Protein backbone atom coordinates (compact mmCIF):
# COMPACT_ATOMS: atom_id res chain seq x y z
CA UNK A 1 12.60 -22.93 -66.41
CA UNK A 2 14.60 -22.53 -69.61
CA UNK A 3 18.49 -22.34 -69.66
CA UNK A 4 19.71 -18.91 -70.44
CA UNK A 5 23.29 -17.96 -71.19
CA UNK A 6 24.43 -14.20 -71.17
CA UNK A 7 28.02 -13.45 -72.10
CA UNK A 8 29.12 -10.02 -71.14
CA UNK A 9 32.25 -8.49 -69.42
CA UNK A 10 32.01 -8.28 -65.64
CA UNK A 11 34.13 -4.93 -65.76
CA UNK A 12 34.25 -1.92 -67.94
CA UNK A 13 35.83 1.36 -67.99
CA UNK A 14 33.42 4.48 -67.98
CA UNK A 15 32.03 5.41 -71.35
CA UNK A 16 33.28 1.89 -72.89
CA UNK A 17 31.01 0.16 -75.57
CA UNK A 18 30.38 -3.34 -74.33
CA UNK A 19 28.84 -6.43 -76.43
CA UNK A 20 26.30 -8.39 -74.74
CA UNK A 21 25.19 -11.80 -76.21
CA UNK A 22 22.20 -13.75 -74.75
CA UNK A 23 20.88 -17.14 -75.68
CA UNK A 24 17.86 -19.00 -74.17
CA UNK A 25 17.05 -22.70 -74.80
CA UNK A 26 13.42 -22.79 -76.14
CA UNK A 27 11.93 -24.74 -78.88
CA UNK A 28 10.22 -22.08 -80.67
CA UNK A 29 7.46 -24.05 -82.34
CA UNK A 30 6.01 -21.76 -85.05
CA UNK A 31 2.31 -23.13 -85.19
CA UNK A 32 2.65 -24.13 -88.72
CA UNK A 33 4.35 -27.49 -88.56
CA UNK A 34 2.22 -30.50 -88.68
CA UNK A 35 2.29 -33.06 -85.96
CA UNK A 36 2.04 -36.72 -86.07
CA UNK A 37 -1.60 -36.56 -86.47
CA UNK A 38 -1.35 -33.83 -89.32
CA UNK A 39 -2.71 -31.07 -87.45
CA UNK A 40 -0.49 -28.23 -86.90
CA UNK A 41 1.31 -28.08 -83.46
CA UNK A 42 0.37 -25.46 -81.20
CA UNK A 43 2.29 -22.06 -81.53
CA UNK A 44 5.06 -21.70 -78.65
CA UNK A 45 7.40 -18.89 -78.98
CA UNK A 46 9.26 -16.31 -77.25
CA UNK A 47 7.58 -12.91 -78.00
CA UNK A 48 9.73 -10.29 -76.31
CA UNK A 49 13.14 -9.93 -75.07
CA UNK A 50 14.40 -6.80 -73.14
CA UNK A 51 17.37 -5.65 -71.34
CA UNK A 52 17.35 -3.11 -68.61
CA UNK A 53 20.64 -1.34 -67.16
CA UNK A 54 20.03 0.02 -63.58
CA UNK A 55 16.38 0.31 -64.38
CA UNK A 56 16.58 1.81 -67.84
CA UNK A 57 15.74 -0.37 -70.82
CA UNK A 58 18.74 -0.26 -73.31
CA UNK A 59 17.44 -2.95 -75.84
CA UNK A 60 14.46 -4.68 -76.78
CA UNK A 61 13.07 -6.87 -79.32
CA UNK A 62 9.82 -8.30 -80.36
CA UNK A 63 10.28 -12.04 -81.77
CA UNK A 64 7.90 -13.51 -84.36
CA UNK A 65 7.37 -17.19 -85.42
CA UNK A 66 10.12 -17.17 -88.09
CA UNK A 67 12.86 -16.99 -85.19
CA UNK A 68 14.80 -20.05 -84.84
CA UNK A 69 14.78 -22.28 -81.78
CA UNK A 70 17.35 -21.39 -78.80
CA UNK A 71 17.23 -17.57 -80.16
CA UNK A 72 20.42 -15.84 -79.89
CA UNK A 73 20.51 -12.04 -79.54
CA UNK A 74 23.66 -9.65 -79.56
CA UNK A 75 23.56 -5.97 -78.76
CA UNK A 76 25.84 -3.32 -77.54
CA UNK A 77 25.55 -0.75 -74.80
CA UNK A 78 27.68 1.88 -73.20
CA UNK A 79 28.85 1.33 -69.62
CA UNK A 80 28.03 4.43 -67.81
CA UNK A 81 28.11 3.36 -63.98
CA UNK A 82 28.19 0.38 -61.94
CA UNK A 83 24.80 -1.45 -61.81
CA UNK A 84 22.67 -4.45 -62.54
CA UNK A 85 21.78 -5.53 -66.06
CA UNK A 86 18.26 -7.38 -66.14
CA UNK A 87 17.37 -9.72 -69.02
CA UNK A 88 13.83 -10.59 -69.55
CA UNK A 89 12.12 -13.16 -72.01
CA UNK A 90 8.48 -13.47 -72.32
CA UNK A 91 6.42 -15.59 -74.53
CA UNK A 92 3.37 -18.04 -75.03
CA UNK A 93 1.74 -20.09 -72.57
CA UNK A 94 2.84 -17.98 -69.75
CA UNK A 95 6.55 -18.20 -70.50
CA UNK A 96 8.72 -15.87 -68.54
CA UNK A 97 12.37 -15.74 -67.45
CA UNK A 98 14.50 -12.96 -65.85
CA UNK A 99 18.37 -13.24 -65.41
CA UNK A 100 20.47 -10.53 -63.71
CA UNK A 101 24.12 -9.79 -64.07
CA UNK A 102 26.25 -7.29 -62.24
CA UNK A 103 28.35 -4.82 -64.17
CA UNK A 104 31.18 -2.92 -62.47
CA UNK A 105 32.33 0.34 -64.03
CA UNK A 106 35.65 1.94 -63.24
CA UNK A 107 36.56 5.64 -64.11
């Protein structure tokens, strides 16, 4: 399991725009770089990132071989109600990871 770091406020006022930053430790091998034997190393990248807020998708991104190792993604959303944010990464070789963080919204 890869190490994921998500930075976001634990609380927000209703209607407030919040910034969410997510980083996951992953080598992101493009498939173009030669190995010690001169043959290209097999591709191993994260292909998709998505964030759901109380079951509704609020952000998604498709990632490609040009993305750096340990991809960092930052985005904004509006705090509408108290709920759970679910962050999902999926990639090559069956890679899949999900993190969940609660957000408390006050009136």
